[in-house]
Amino acid sequence: DEFLKLTKDDIKGFFNPNNKVKVLADIKGILNRKEYEKDFAYW
């Protein structure tokens, strides 16, 4: 439940800001793929 509450900004804050590409793996498919594909290398 605690991870379901994470916002996109929360997740962005986890990454190195200098990285052009942010690799995000969503094993359980809890995030909206179309929304996150814009800003992450989403898998």
PDB file of all heavy atoms in Angstrom:
ATOM      1  N   ASP A   1       0.823  -1.214   0.000  1.00  0.00           N
ATOM      2  CA  ASP A   1       0.000   0.000   0.000  1.00  0.00           C
ATOM      3  C   ASP A   1       0.858   1.264   0.000  1.00  0.00           C
ATOM      4  O   ASP A   1       0.523   2.267  -0.641  1.00  0.00           O
ATOM      5  CB  ASP A   1      -0.934   0.014   1.218  1.00  0.00           C
ATOM      6  CG  ASP A   1      -2.087  -0.972   1.070  1.00  0.00           C
ATOM      7  OD1 ASP A   1      -2.329  -1.447  -0.063  1.00  0.00           O
ATOM      8  OD2 ASP A   1      -2.745  -1.281   2.093  1.00  0.00           O
ATOM      9  N   GLU A   2       1.983   1.228   0.734  1.00  0.00           N
ATOM     10  CA  GLU A   2       2.828   2.425   0.817  1.00  0.00           C
ATOM     11  C   GLU A   2       3.405   2.807  -0.537  1.00  0.00           C
ATOM     12  O   GLU A   2       3.635   3.990  -0.822  1.00  0.00           O
ATOM     13  CB  GLU A   2       3.962   2.197   1.822  1.00  0.00           C
ATOM     14  CG  GLU A   2       4.913   1.070   1.470  1.00  0.00           C
ATOM     15  CD  GLU A   2       6.015   0.891   2.486  1.00  0.00           C
ATOM     16  OE1 GLU A   2       6.709   1.882   2.784  1.00  0.00           O
ATOM     17  OE2 GLU A   2       6.199  -0.248   2.949  1.00  0.00           O
ATOM     18  N   PHE A   3       3.642   1.815  -1.414  1.00  0.00           N
ATOM     19  CA  PHE A   3       4.182   2.110  -2.735  1.00  0.00           C
ATOM     20  C   PHE A   3       3.088   2.539  -3.715  1.00  0.00           C
ATOM     21  O   PHE A   3       3.349   3.266  -4.669  1.00  0.00           O
ATOM     22  CB  PHE A   3       4.935   0.898  -3.282  1.00  0.00           C
ATOM     23  CG  PHE A   3       6.078   0.447  -2.408  1.00  0.00           C
ATOM     24  CD1 PHE A   3       6.403  -0.906  -2.289  1.00  0.00           C
ATOM     25  CD2 PHE A   3       6.826   1.369  -1.704  1.00  0.00           C
ATOM     26  CE1 PHE A   3       7.452  -1.315  -1.482  1.00  0.00           C
ATOM     27  CE2 PHE A   3       7.886   0.966  -0.885  1.00  0.00           C
ATOM     28  CZ  PHE A   3       8.190  -0.371  -0.780  1.00  0.00           C
ATOM     29  N   LEU A   4       1.873   2.093  -3.466  1.00  0.00           N
ATOM     30  CA  LEU A   4       0.750   2.519  -4.301  1.00  0.00           C
ATOM     31  C   LEU A   4       0.489   4.018  -4.160  1.00  0.00           C
ATOM     32  O   LEU A   4      -0.076   4.645  -5.053  1.00  0.00           O
ATOM     33  CB  LEU A   4      -0.518   1.739  -3.930  1.00  0.00           C
ATOM     34  CG  LEU A   4      -0.502   0.216  -4.155  1.00  0.00           C
ATOM     35  CD1 LEU A   4      -1.817  -0.407  -3.672  1.00  0.00           C
ATOM     36  CD2 LEU A   4      -0.279  -0.124  -5.610  1.00  0.00           C
ATOM     37  N   LYS A   5       0.908   4.581  -3.041  1.00  0.00           N
ATOM     38  CA  LYS A   5       0.675   6.006  -2.761  1.00  0.00           C
ATOM     39  C   LYS A   5       1.718   6.915  -3.405  1.00  0.00           C
ATOM     40  O   LYS A   5       1.571   8.144  -3.399  1.00  0.00           O
ATOM     41  CB  LYS A   5       0.650   6.239  -1.247  1.00  0.00           C
ATOM     42  CG  LYS A   5      -0.493   5.532  -0.525  1.00  0.00           C
ATOM     43  CD  LYS A   5      -0.364   5.683   0.982  1.00  0.00           C
ATOM     44  CE  LYS A   5      -1.449   4.887   1.718  1.00  0.00           C
ATOM     45  NZ  LYS A   5      -1.256   4.944   3.200  1.00  0.00           N
ATOM     46  N   LEU A   6       2.794   6.335  -3.941  1.00  0.00           N
ATOM     47  CA  LEU A   6       3.857   7.150  -4.525  1.00  0.00           C
ATOM     48  C   LEU A   6       3.347   7.911  -5.751  1.00  0.00           C
ATOM     49  O   LEU A   6       2.671   7.357  -6.609  1.00  0.00           O
ATOM     50  CB  LEU A   6       5.039   6.269  -4.929  1.00  0.00           C
ATOM     51  CG  LEU A   6       5.844   5.619  -3.787  1.00  0.00           C
ATOM     52  CD1 LEU A   6       6.839   4.618  -4.361  1.00  0.00           C
ATOM     53  CD2 LEU A   6       6.564   6.676  -2.960  1.00  0.00           C
ATOM     54  N   THR A   7       3.695   9.173  -5.834  1.00  0.00           N
ATOM     55  CA  THR A   7       3.329   9.984  -7.001  1.00  0.00           C
ATOM     56  C   THR A   7       4.470   9.938  -8.027  1.00  0.00           C
ATOM     57  O   THR A   7       5.580   9.484  -7.727  1.00  0.00           O
ATOM     58  CB  THR A   7       3.074  11.439  -6.595  1.00  0.00           C
ATOM     59  OG1 THR A   7       4.313  12.016  -6.131  1.00  0.00           O
ATOM     60  CG2 THR A   7       2.026  11.522  -5.493  1.00  0.00           C
ATOM     61  N   LYS A   8       4.193  10.459  -9.212  1.00  0.00           N
ATOM     62  CA  LYS A   8       5.231  10.501 -10.233  1.00  0.00           C
ATOM     63  C   LYS A   8       6.410  11.362  -9.763  1.00  0.00           C
ATOM     64  O   LYS A   8       7.576  11.019  -9.987  1.00  0.00           O
ATOM     65  CB  LYS A   8       4.672  11.051 -11.552  1.00  0.00           C
ATOM     66  CG  LYS A   8       5.699  10.985 -12.697  1.00  0.00           C
ATOM     67  CD  LYS A   8       5.250  11.738 -13.910  1.00  0.00           C
ATOM     68  CE  LYS A   8       4.287  10.961 -14.727  1.00  0.00           C
ATOM     69  NZ  LYS A   8       3.990  11.609 -16.040  1.00  0.00           N
ATOM     70  N   ASP A   9       6.104  12.457  -9.100  1.00  0.00           N
ATOM     71  CA  ASP A   9       7.165  13.328  -8.586  1.00  0.00           C
ATOM     72  C   ASP A   9       8.002  12.610  -7.523  1.00  0.00           C
ATOM     73  O   ASP A   9       9.224  12.797  -7.460  1.00  0.00           O
ATOM     74  CB  ASP A   9       6.574  14.615  -8.014  1.00  0.00           C
ATOM     75  CG  ASP A   9       6.101  15.580  -9.105  1.00  0.00           C
ATOM     76  OD1 ASP A   9       6.577  15.448 -10.260  1.00  0.00           O
ATOM     77  OD2 ASP A   9       5.245  16.440  -8.800  1.00  0.00           O
ATOM     78  N   ASP A  10       7.319  11.817  -6.683  1.00  0.00           N
ATOM     79  CA  ASP A  10       8.048  11.028  -5.675  1.00  0.00           C
ATOM     80  C   ASP A  10       9.074  10.121  -6.363  1.00  0.00           C
ATOM     81  O   ASP A  10      10.239  10.051  -5.959  1.00  0.00           O
ATOM     82  CB  ASP A  10       7.086  10.156  -4.855  1.00  0.00           C
ATOM     83  CG  ASP A  10       6.197  10.958  -3.926  1.00  0.00           C
ATOM     84  OD1 ASP A  10       6.606  12.065  -3.508  1.00  0.00           O
ATOM     85  OD2 ASP A  10       5.088  10.473  -3.618  1.00  0.00           O
ATOM     86  N   ILE A  11       8.609   9.435  -7.398  1.00  0.00           N
ATOM     87  CA  ILE A  11       9.459   8.479  -8.105  1.00  0.00           C
ATOM     88  C   ILE A  11      10.576   9.191  -8.851  1.00  0.00           C
ATOM     89  O   ILE A  11      11.728   8.741  -8.847  1.00  0.00           O
ATOM     90  CB  ILE A  11       8.607   7.601  -9.048  1.00  0.00           C
ATOM     91  CG1 ILE A  11       7.638   6.735  -8.215  1.00  0.00           C
ATOM     92  CG2 ILE A  11       9.495   6.711  -9.924  1.00  0.00           C
ATOM     93  CD1 ILE A  11       6.602   5.983  -9.022  1.00  0.00           C
ATOM     94  N   LYS A  12      10.266  10.318  -9.467  1.00  0.00           N
ATOM     95  CA  LYS A  12      11.310  11.109 -10.143  1.00  0.00           C
ATOM     96  C   LYS A  12      12.419  11.490  -9.167  1.00  0.00           C
ATOM     97  O   LYS A  12      13.602  11.514  -9.521  1.00  0.00           O
ATOM     98  CB  LYS A  12      10.706  12.384 -10.746  1.00  0.00           C
ATOM     99  CG  LYS A  12      10.096  12.208 -12.122  1.00  0.00           C
ATOM    100  CD  LYS A  12       9.641  13.553 -12.662  1.00  0.00           C
ATOM    101  CE  LYS A  12       9.046  13.420 -14.064  1.00  0.00           C
ATOM    102  NZ  LYS A  12       8.552  14.718 -14.571  1.00  0.00           N
ATOM    103  N   GLY A  13      12.011  11.796  -7.938  1.00  0.00           N
ATOM    104  CA  GLY A  13      12.977  12.207  -6.916  1.00  0.00           C
ATOM    105  C   GLY A  13      13.954  11.122  -6.500  1.00  0.00           C
ATOM    106  O   GLY A  13      14.959  11.406  -5.843  1.00  0.00           O
ATOM    107  N   PHE A  14      13.668   9.866  -6.872  1.00  0.00           N
ATOM    108  CA  PHE A  14      14.561   8.758  -6.529  1.00  0.00           C
ATOM    109  C   PHE A  14      15.796   8.706  -7.441  1.00  0.00           C
ATOM    110  O   PHE A  14      16.795   8.071  -7.111  1.00  0.00           O
ATOM    111  CB  PHE A  14      13.836   7.414  -6.631  1.00  0.00           C
ATOM    112  CG  PHE A  14      12.688   7.242  -5.666  1.00  0.00           C
ATOM    113  CD1 PHE A  14      11.590   6.456  -6.006  1.00  0.00           C
ATOM    114  CD2 PHE A  14      12.711   7.855  -4.428  1.00  0.00           C
ATOM    115  CE1 PHE A  14      10.542   6.286  -5.126  1.00  0.00           C
ATOM    116  CE2 PHE A  14      11.652   7.688  -3.530  1.00  0.00           C
ATOM    117  CZ  PHE A  14      10.569   6.900  -3.893  1.00  0.00           C
ATOM    118  N   PHE A  15      15.719   9.343  -8.616  1.00  0.00           N
ATOM    119  CA  PHE A  15      16.731   9.166  -9.648  1.00  0.00           C
ATOM    120  C   PHE A  15      17.821  10.233  -9.624  1.00  0.00           C
ATOM    121  O   PHE A  15      17.619  11.341  -9.111  1.00  0.00           O
ATOM    122  CB  PHE A  15      16.077   9.155 -11.034  1.00  0.00           C
ATOM    123  CG  PHE A  15      15.300   7.900 -11.330  1.00  0.00           C
ATOM    124  CD1 PHE A  15      13.962   7.808 -10.981  1.00  0.00           C
ATOM    125  CD2 PHE A  15      15.908   6.822 -11.952  1.00  0.00           C
ATOM    126  CE1 PHE A  15      13.234   6.655 -11.248  1.00  0.00           C
ATOM    127  CE2 PHE A  15      15.183   5.668 -12.222  1.00  0.00           C
ATOM    128  CZ  PHE A  15      13.854   5.581 -11.872  1.00  0.00           C
ATOM    129  N   ASN A  16      18.946   9.855 -10.208  1.00  0.00           N
ATOM    130  CA  ASN A  16      20.028  10.810 -10.435  1.00  0.00           C
ATOM    131  C   ASN A  16      19.548  11.854 -11.433  1.00  0.00           C
ATOM    132  O   ASN A  16      19.234  11.526 -12.584  1.00  0.00           O
ATOM    133  CB  ASN A  16      21.255  10.066 -10.985  1.00  0.00           C
ATOM    134  CG  ASN A  16      22.479  10.959 -11.125  1.00  0.00           C
ATOM    135  OD1 ASN A  16      22.364  12.179 -11.259  1.00  0.00           O
ATOM    136  ND2 ASN A  16      23.654  10.343 -11.122  1.00  0.00           N
ATOM    137  N   PRO A  17      19.479  13.111 -11.044  1.00  0.00           N
ATOM    138  CA  PRO A  17      18.933  14.147 -11.951  1.00  0.00           C
ATOM    139  C   PRO A  17      19.790  14.355 -13.199  1.00  0.00           C
ATOM    140  O   PRO A  17      19.322  14.935 -14.186  1.00  0.00           O
ATOM    141  CB  PRO A  17      18.904  15.397 -11.071  1.00  0.00           C
ATOM    142  CG  PRO A  17      19.903  15.139  -9.978  1.00  0.00           C
ATOM    143  CD  PRO A  17      19.870  13.677  -9.735  1.00  0.00           C
ATOM    144  N   ASN A  18      21.028  13.882 -13.154  1.00  0.00           N
ATOM    145  CA  ASN A  18      21.921  14.054 -14.305  1.00  0.00           C
ATOM    146  C   ASN A  18      21.696  13.003 -15.386  1.00  0.00           C
ATOM    147  O   ASN A  18      22.201  13.146 -16.507  1.00  0.00           O
ATOM    148  CB  ASN A  18      23.384  14.017 -13.853  1.00  0.00           C
ATOM    149  CG  ASN A  18      23.713  15.167 -12.910  1.00  0.00           C
ATOM    150  OD1 ASN A  18      23.250  16.295 -13.104  1.00  0.00           O
ATOM    151  ND2 ASN A  18      24.517  14.898 -11.873  1.00  0.00           N
ATOM    152  N   ASN A  19      20.969  11.933 -15.037  1.00  0.00           N
ATOM    153  CA  ASN A  19      20.695  10.877 -16.017  1.00  0.00           C
ATOM    154  C   ASN A  19      19.615  11.330 -16.997  1.00  0.00           C
ATOM    155  O   ASN A  19      18.524  11.737 -16.588  1.00  0.00           O
ATOM    156  CB  ASN A  19      20.248   9.592 -15.324  1.00  0.00           C
ATOM    157  CG  ASN A  19      21.369   8.909 -14.566  1.00  0.00           C
ATOM    158  OD1 ASN A  19      22.524   9.336 -14.636  1.00  0.00           O
ATOM    159  ND2 ASN A  19      21.048   7.845 -13.848  1.00  0.00           N
ATOM    160  N   LYS A  20      19.915  11.256 -18.267  1.00  0.00           N
ATOM    161  CA  LYS A  20      18.919  11.613 -19.275  1.00  0.00           C
ATOM    162  C   LYS A  20      17.754  10.626 -19.291  1.00  0.00           C
ATOM    163  O   LYS A  20      16.612  10.997 -19.551  1.00  0.00           O
ATOM    164  CB  LYS A  20      19.573  11.663 -20.661  1.00  0.00           C
ATOM    165  CG  LYS A  20      20.550  12.828 -20.839  1.00  0.00           C
ATOM    166  CD  LYS A  20      21.145  12.831 -22.239  1.00  0.00           C
ATOM    167  CE  LYS A  20      22.132  13.988 -22.409  1.00  0.00           C
ATOM    168  NZ  LYS A  20      22.741  13.978 -23.769  1.00  0.00           N
ATOM    169  N   VAL A  21      18.066   9.358 -19.017  1.00  0.00           N
ATOM    170  CA  VAL A  21      17.045   8.304 -19.035  1.00  0.00           C
ATOM    171  C   VAL A  21      16.921   7.697 -17.643  1.00  0.00           C
ATOM    172  O   VAL A  21      17.912   7.351 -17.012  1.00  0.00           O
ATOM    173  CB  VAL A  21      17.394   7.199 -20.051  1.00  0.00           C
ATOM    174  CG1 VAL A  21      16.303   6.132 -20.070  1.00  0.00           C
ATOM    175  CG2 VAL A  21      17.575   7.787 -21.453  1.00  0.00           C
ATOM    176  N   LYS A  22      15.689   7.586 -17.177  1.00  0.00           N
ATOM    177  CA  LYS A  22      15.417   7.018 -15.860  1.00  0.00           C
ATOM    178  C   LYS A  22      14.770   5.647 -16.040  1.00  0.00           C
ATOM    179  O   LYS A  22      13.645   5.548 -16.525  1.00  0.00           O
ATOM    180  CB  LYS A  22      14.512   7.962 -15.053  1.00  0.00           C
ATOM    181  CG  LYS A  22      15.146   9.332 -14.796  1.00  0.00           C
ATOM    182  CD  LYS A  22      14.152  10.273 -14.139  1.00  0.00           C
ATOM    183  CE  LYS A  22      14.808  11.600 -13.770  1.00  0.00           C
ATOM    184  NZ  LYS A  22      15.372  12.309 -14.950  1.00  0.00           N
ATOM    185  N   VAL A  23      15.484   4.608 -15.648  1.00  0.00           N
ATOM    186  CA  VAL A  23      15.013   3.235 -15.849  1.00  0.00           C
ATOM    187  C   VAL A  23      14.113   2.822 -14.688  1.00  0.00           C
ATOM    188  O   VAL A  23      14.551   2.756 -13.535  1.00  0.00           O
ATOM    189  CB  VAL A  23      16.192   2.252 -15.993  1.00  0.00           C
ATOM    190  CG1 VAL A  23      15.677   0.815 -16.117  1.00  0.00           C
ATOM    191  CG2 VAL A  23      17.052   2.629 -17.190  1.00  0.00           C
ATOM    192  N   LEU A  24      12.852   2.557 -15.006  1.00  0.00           N
ATOM    193  CA  LEU A  24      11.854   2.219 -13.995  1.00  0.00           C
ATOM    194  C   LEU A  24      11.212   0.877 -14.336  1.00  0.00           C
ATOM    195  O   LEU A  24      10.629   0.712 -15.402  1.00  0.00           O
ATOM    196  CB  LEU A  24      10.784   3.310 -13.922  1.00  0.00           C
ATOM    197  CG  LEU A  24       9.595   3.078 -12.972  1.00  0.00           C
ATOM    198  CD1 LEU A  24      10.067   2.985 -11.526  1.00  0.00           C
ATOM    199  CD2 LEU A  24       8.567   4.203 -13.121  1.00  0.00           C
ATOM    200  N   ALA A  25      11.335  -0.081 -13.417  1.00  0.00           N
ATOM    201  CA  ALA A  25      10.712  -1.395 -13.592  1.00  0.00           C
ATOM    202  C   ALA A  25       9.535  -1.521 -12.633  1.00  0.00           C
ATOM    203  O   ALA A  25       9.691  -1.363 -11.418  1.00  0.00           O
ATOM    204  CB  ALA A  25      11.721  -2.511 -13.337  1.00  0.00           C
ATOM    205  N   ASP A  26       8.382  -1.798 -13.168  1.00  0.00           N
ATOM    206  CA  ASP A  26       7.132  -1.902 -12.399  1.00  0.00           C
ATOM    207  C   ASP A  26       6.656  -3.357 -12.488  1.00  0.00           C
ATOM    208  O   ASP A  26       5.831  -3.706 -13.321  1.00  0.00           O
ATOM    209  CB  ASP A  26       6.106  -0.934 -13.002  1.00  0.00           C
ATOM    210  CG  ASP A  26       4.749  -0.988 -12.312  1.00  0.00           C
ATOM    211  OD1 ASP A  26       4.658  -1.503 -11.185  1.00  0.00           O
ATOM    212  OD2 ASP A  26       3.776  -0.505 -12.932  1.00  0.00           O
ATOM    213  N   ILE A  27       7.217  -4.199 -11.631  1.00  0.00           N
ATOM    214  CA  ILE A  27       7.018  -5.647 -11.745  1.00  0.00           C
ATOM    215  C   ILE A  27       5.539  -6.041 -11.656  1.00  0.00           C
ATOM    216  O   ILE A  27       5.069  -6.903 -12.382  1.00  0.00           O
ATOM    217  CB  ILE A  27       7.818  -6.415 -10.668  1.00  0.00           C
ATOM    218  CG1 ILE A  27       9.285  -5.993 -10.668  1.00  0.00           C
ATOM    219  CG2 ILE A  27       7.693  -7.925 -10.870  1.00  0.00           C
ATOM    220  CD1 ILE A  27       9.988  -6.201 -11.958  1.00  0.00           C
ATOM    221  N   LYS A  28       4.810  -5.400 -10.778  1.00  0.00           N
ATOM    222  CA  LYS A  28       3.406  -5.748 -10.542  1.00  0.00           C
ATOM    223  C   LYS A  28       2.436  -4.949 -11.407  1.00  0.00           C
ATOM    224  O   LYS A  28       1.231  -5.127 -11.321  1.00  0.00           O
ATOM    225  CB  LYS A  28       3.065  -5.555  -9.063  1.00  0.00           C
ATOM    226  CG  LYS A  28       3.904  -6.398  -8.104  1.00  0.00           C
ATOM    227  CD  LYS A  28       3.565  -7.857  -8.177  1.00  0.00           C
ATOM    228  CE  LYS A  28       2.221  -8.165  -7.556  1.00  0.00           C
ATOM    229  NZ  LYS A  28       1.939  -9.593  -7.480  1.00  0.00           N
ATOM    230  N   GLY A  29       2.962  -4.038 -12.227  1.00  0.00           N
ATOM    231  CA  GLY A  29       2.092  -3.250 -13.087  1.00  0.00           C
ATOM    232  C   GLY A  29       1.132  -2.353 -12.339  1.00  0.00           C
ATOM    233  O   GLY A  29      -0.035  -2.220 -12.718  1.00  0.00           O
ATOM    234  N   ILE A  30       1.631  -1.685 -11.283  1.00  0.00           N
ATOM    235  CA  ILE A  30       0.750  -0.848 -10.457  1.00  0.00           C
ATOM    236  C   ILE A  30       0.621   0.573 -10.985  1.00  0.00           C
ATOM    237  O   ILE A  30      -0.244   1.331 -10.556  1.00  0.00           O
ATOM    238  CB  ILE A  30       1.231  -0.806  -8.986  1.00  0.00           C
ATOM    239  CG1 ILE A  30       2.588  -0.108  -8.865  1.00  0.00           C
ATOM    240  CG2 ILE A  30       1.288  -2.212  -8.405  1.00  0.00           C
ATOM    241  CD1 ILE A  30       3.029   0.096  -7.418  1.00  0.00           C
ATOM    242  N   LEU A  31       1.502   0.962 -11.935  1.00  0.00           N
ATOM    243  CA  LEU A  31       1.503   2.325 -12.454  1.00  0.00           C
ATOM    244  C   LEU A  31       0.812   2.392 -13.815  1.00  0.00           C
ATOM    245  O   LEU A  31       0.698   1.388 -14.519  1.00  0.00           O
ATOM    246  CB  LEU A  31       2.938   2.842 -12.584  1.00  0.00           C
ATOM    247  CG  LEU A  31       3.806   2.796 -11.317  1.00  0.00           C
ATOM    248  CD1 LEU A  31       5.227   3.225 -11.642  1.00  0.00           C
ATOM    249  CD2 LEU A  31       3.214   3.663 -10.214  1.00  0.00           C
ATOM    250  N   ASN A  32       0.363   3.579 -14.161  1.00  0.00           N
ATOM    251  CA  ASN A  32      -0.246   3.812 -15.466  1.00  0.00           C
ATOM    252  C   ASN A  32       0.867   3.877 -16.527  1.00  0.00           C
ATOM    253  O   ASN A  32       1.629   4.840 -16.578  1.00  0.00           O
ATOM    254  CB  ASN A  32      -1.052   5.114 -15.445  1.00  0.00           C
ATOM    255  CG  ASN A  32      -1.804   5.363 -16.742  1.00  0.00           C
ATOM    256  OD1 ASN A  32      -1.282   5.206 -17.843  1.00  0.00           O
ATOM    257  ND2 ASN A  32      -3.061   5.766 -16.621  1.00  0.00           N
ATOM    258  N   ARG A  33       0.970   2.857 -17.334  1.00  0.00           N
ATOM    259  CA  ARG A  33       2.071   2.745 -18.295  1.00  0.00           C
ATOM    260  C   ARG A  33       2.164   3.963 -19.210  1.00  0.00           C
ATOM    261  O   ARG A  33       3.252   4.529 -19.388  1.00  0.00           O
ATOM    262  CB  ARG A  33       1.902   1.482 -19.141  1.00  0.00           C
ATOM    263  CG  ARG A  33       2.942   1.316 -20.256  1.00  0.00           C
ATOM    264  CD  ARG A  33       2.734  -0.005 -20.997  1.00  0.00           C
ATOM    265  NE  ARG A  33       1.427  -0.071 -21.617  1.00  0.00           N
ATOM    266  CZ  ARG A  33       1.143   0.376 -22.834  1.00  0.00           C
ATOM    267  NH1 ARG A  33       2.070   0.958 -23.564  1.00  0.00           N
ATOM    268  NH2 ARG A  33      -0.087   0.235 -23.329  1.00  0.00           N
ATOM    269  N   LYS A  34       1.067   4.375 -19.789  1.00  0.00           N
ATOM    270  CA  LYS A  34       1.088   5.477 -20.747  1.00  0.00           C
ATOM    271  C   LYS A  34       1.567   6.773 -20.108  1.00  0.00           C
ATOM    272  O   LYS A  34       2.247   7.577 -20.741  1.00  0.00           O
ATOM    273  CB  LYS A  34      -0.293   5.660 -21.360  1.00  0.00           C
ATOM    274  CG  LYS A  34      -0.691   4.516 -22.291  1.00  0.00           C
ATOM    275  CD  LYS A  34      -2.041   4.739 -22.921  1.00  0.00           C
ATOM    276  CE  LYS A  34      -2.398   3.591 -23.859  1.00  0.00           C
ATOM    277  NZ  LYS A  34      -3.744   3.772 -24.489  1.00  0.00           N
ATOM    278  N   GLU A  35       1.215   6.961 -18.852  1.00  0.00           N
ATOM    279  CA  GLU A  35       1.623   8.167 -18.141  1.00  0.00           C
ATOM    280  C   GLU A  35       3.117   8.159 -17.852  1.00  0.00           C
ATOM    281  O   GLU A  35       3.797   9.178 -17.951  1.00  0.00           O
ATOM    282  CB  GLU A  35       0.841   8.280 -16.834  1.00  0.00           C
ATOM    283  CG  GLU A  35       1.144   9.540 -16.035  1.00  0.00           C
ATOM    284  CD  GLU A  35       0.379   9.597 -14.726  1.00  0.00           C
ATOM    285  OE1 GLU A  35      -0.621   8.857 -14.576  1.00  0.00           O
ATOM    286  OE2 GLU A  35       0.807  10.355 -13.831  1.00  0.00           O
ATOM    287  N   TYR A  36       3.652   7.006 -17.488  1.00  0.00           N
ATOM    288  CA  TYR A  36       5.048   6.926 -17.069  1.00  0.00           C
ATOM    289  C   TYR A  36       6.018   6.749 -18.230  1.00  0.00           C
ATOM    290  O   TYR A  36       7.201   7.072 -18.112  1.00  0.00           O
ATOM    291  CB  TYR A  36       5.222   5.801 -16.034  1.00  0.00           C
ATOM    292  CG  TYR A  36       4.822   6.236 -14.647  1.00  0.00           C
ATOM    293  CD1 TYR A  36       3.482   6.282 -14.271  1.00  0.00           C
ATOM    294  CD2 TYR A  36       5.770   6.638 -13.726  1.00  0.00           C
ATOM    295  CE1 TYR A  36       3.100   6.704 -13.017  1.00  0.00           C
ATOM    296  CE2 TYR A  36       5.406   7.075 -12.463  1.00  0.00           C
ATOM    297  CZ  TYR A  36       4.064   7.101 -12.118  1.00  0.00           C
ATOM    298  OH  TYR A  36       3.701   7.541 -10.866  1.00  0.00           O
ATOM    299  N   GLU A  37       5.562   6.241 -19.351  1.00  0.00           N
ATOM    300  CA  GLU A  37       6.426   6.080 -20.514  1.00  0.00           C
ATOM    301  C   GLU A  37       6.969   7.405 -21.039  1.00  0.00           C
ATOM    302  O   GLU A  37       8.014   7.446 -21.684  1.00  0.00           O
ATOM    303  CB  GLU A  37       5.674   5.358 -21.634  1.00  0.00           C
ATOM    304  CG  GLU A  37       5.630   3.846 -21.471  1.00  0.00           C
ATOM    305  CD  GLU A  37       4.893   3.165 -22.603  1.00  0.00           C
ATOM    306  OE1 GLU A  37       4.047   3.824 -23.260  1.00  0.00           O
ATOM    307  OE2 GLU A  37       5.129   1.966 -22.811  1.00  0.00           O
ATOM    308  N   LYS A  38       6.268   8.494 -20.746  1.00  0.00           N
ATOM    309  CA  LYS A  38       6.692   9.806 -21.221  1.00  0.00           C
ATOM    310  C   LYS A  38       7.993  10.263 -20.561  1.00  0.00           C
ATOM    311  O   LYS A  38       8.806  10.942 -21.175  1.00  0.00           O
ATOM    312  CB  LYS A  38       5.599  10.842 -20.938  1.00  0.00           C
ATOM    313  CG  LYS A  38       4.263  10.554 -21.603  1.00  0.00           C
ATOM    314  CD  LYS A  38       3.201  11.520 -21.101  1.00  0.00           C
ATOM    315  CE  LYS A  38       1.813  11.148 -21.641  1.00  0.00           C
ATOM    316  NZ  LYS A  38       0.755  12.030 -21.031  1.00  0.00           N
ATOM    317  N   ASP A  39       8.162   9.882 -19.286  1.00  0.00           N
ATOM    318  CA  ASP A  39       9.276  10.417 -18.509  1.00  0.00           C
ATOM    319  C   ASP A  39      10.297   9.364 -18.075  1.00  0.00           C
ATOM    320  O   ASP A  39      11.326   9.710 -17.506  1.00  0.00           O
ATOM    321  CB  ASP A  39       8.747  11.133 -17.259  1.00  0.00           C
ATOM    322  CG  ASP A  39       7.790  12.263 -17.593  1.00  0.00           C
ATOM    323  OD1 ASP A  39       8.241  13.252 -18.168  1.00  0.00           O
ATOM    324  OD2 ASP A  39       6.583  12.127 -17.305  1.00  0.00           O
ATOM    325  N   PHE A  40       9.986   8.100 -18.309  1.00  0.00           N
ATOM    326  CA  PHE A  40      10.863   7.027 -17.841  1.00  0.00           C
ATOM    327  C   PHE A  40      11.073   5.985 -18.935  1.00  0.00           C
ATOM    328  O   PHE A  40      10.243   5.850 -19.844  1.00  0.00           O
ATOM    329  CB  PHE A  40      10.263   6.310 -16.618  1.00  0.00           C
ATOM    330  CG  PHE A  40      10.010   7.200 -15.441  1.00  0.00           C
ATOM    331  CD1 PHE A  40       8.798   7.882 -15.311  1.00  0.00           C
ATOM    332  CD2 PHE A  40      10.963   7.365 -14.449  1.00  0.00           C
ATOM    333  CE1 PHE A  40       8.552   8.704 -14.223  1.00  0.00           C
ATOM    334  CE2 PHE A  40      10.722   8.182 -13.355  1.00  0.00           C
ATOM    335  CZ  PHE A  40       9.522   8.848 -13.240  1.00  0.00           C
ATOM    336  N   ALA A  41      12.166   5.258 -18.814  1.00  0.00           N
ATOM    337  CA  ALA A  41      12.324   4.022 -19.590  1.00  0.00           C
ATOM    338  C   ALA A  41      11.578   2.958 -18.795  1.00  0.00           C
ATOM    339  O   ALA A  41      12.140   2.276 -17.936  1.00  0.00           O
ATOM    340  CB  ALA A  41      13.795   3.663 -19.752  1.00  0.00           C
ATOM    341  N   TYR A  42      10.284   2.882 -19.052  1.00  0.00           N
ATOM    342  CA  TYR A  42       9.364   2.086 -18.233  1.00  0.00           C
ATOM    343  C   TYR A  42       9.276   0.652 -18.758  1.00  0.00           C
ATOM    344  O   TYR A  42       9.134   0.423 -19.966  1.00  0.00           O
ATOM    345  CB  TYR A  42       7.982   2.744 -18.241  1.00  0.00           C
ATOM    346  CG  TYR A  42       6.912   1.992 -17.483  1.00  0.00           C
ATOM    347  CD1 TYR A  42       6.737   2.183 -16.126  1.00  0.00           C
ATOM    348  CD2 TYR A  42       6.077   1.089 -18.137  1.00  0.00           C
ATOM    349  CE1 TYR A  42       5.750   1.499 -15.433  1.00  0.00           C
ATOM    350  CE2 TYR A  42       5.093   0.399 -17.455  1.00  0.00           C
ATOM    351  CZ  TYR A  42       4.928   0.599 -16.098  1.00  0.00           C
ATOM    352  OH  TYR A  42       3.948  -0.087 -15.420  1.00  0.00           O
ATOM    353  N   TRP A  43       9.348  -0.308 -17.811  1.00  0.00           N
ATOM    354  CA  TRP A  43       9.255  -1.723 -18.184  1.00  0.00           C
ATOM    355  C   TRP A  43       8.438  -2.482 -17.133  1.00  0.00           C
ATOM    356  O   TRP A  43       8.530  -2.176 -15.940  1.00  0.00           O
ATOM    357  CB  TRP A  43      10.658  -2.333 -18.281  1.00  0.00           C
ATOM    358  CG  TRP A  43      10.669  -3.792 -18.666  1.00  0.00           C
ATOM    359  CD1 TRP A  43      10.717  -4.302 -19.918  1.00  0.00           C
ATOM    360  CD2 TRP A  43      10.645  -4.922 -17.786  1.00  0.00           C
ATOM    361  NE1 TRP A  43      10.714  -5.682 -19.892  1.00  0.00           N
ATOM    362  CE2 TRP A  43      10.670  -6.092 -18.580  1.00  0.00           C
ATOM    363  CE3 TRP A  43      10.586  -5.075 -16.387  1.00  0.00           C
ATOM    364  CZ2 TRP A  43      10.665  -7.373 -18.041  1.00  0.00           C
ATOM    365  CZ3 TRP A  43      10.572  -6.359 -15.849  1.00  0.00           C
ATOM    366  CH2 TRP A  43      10.614  -7.482 -16.671  1.00  0.00           C
TER     367      TRP A  43
END
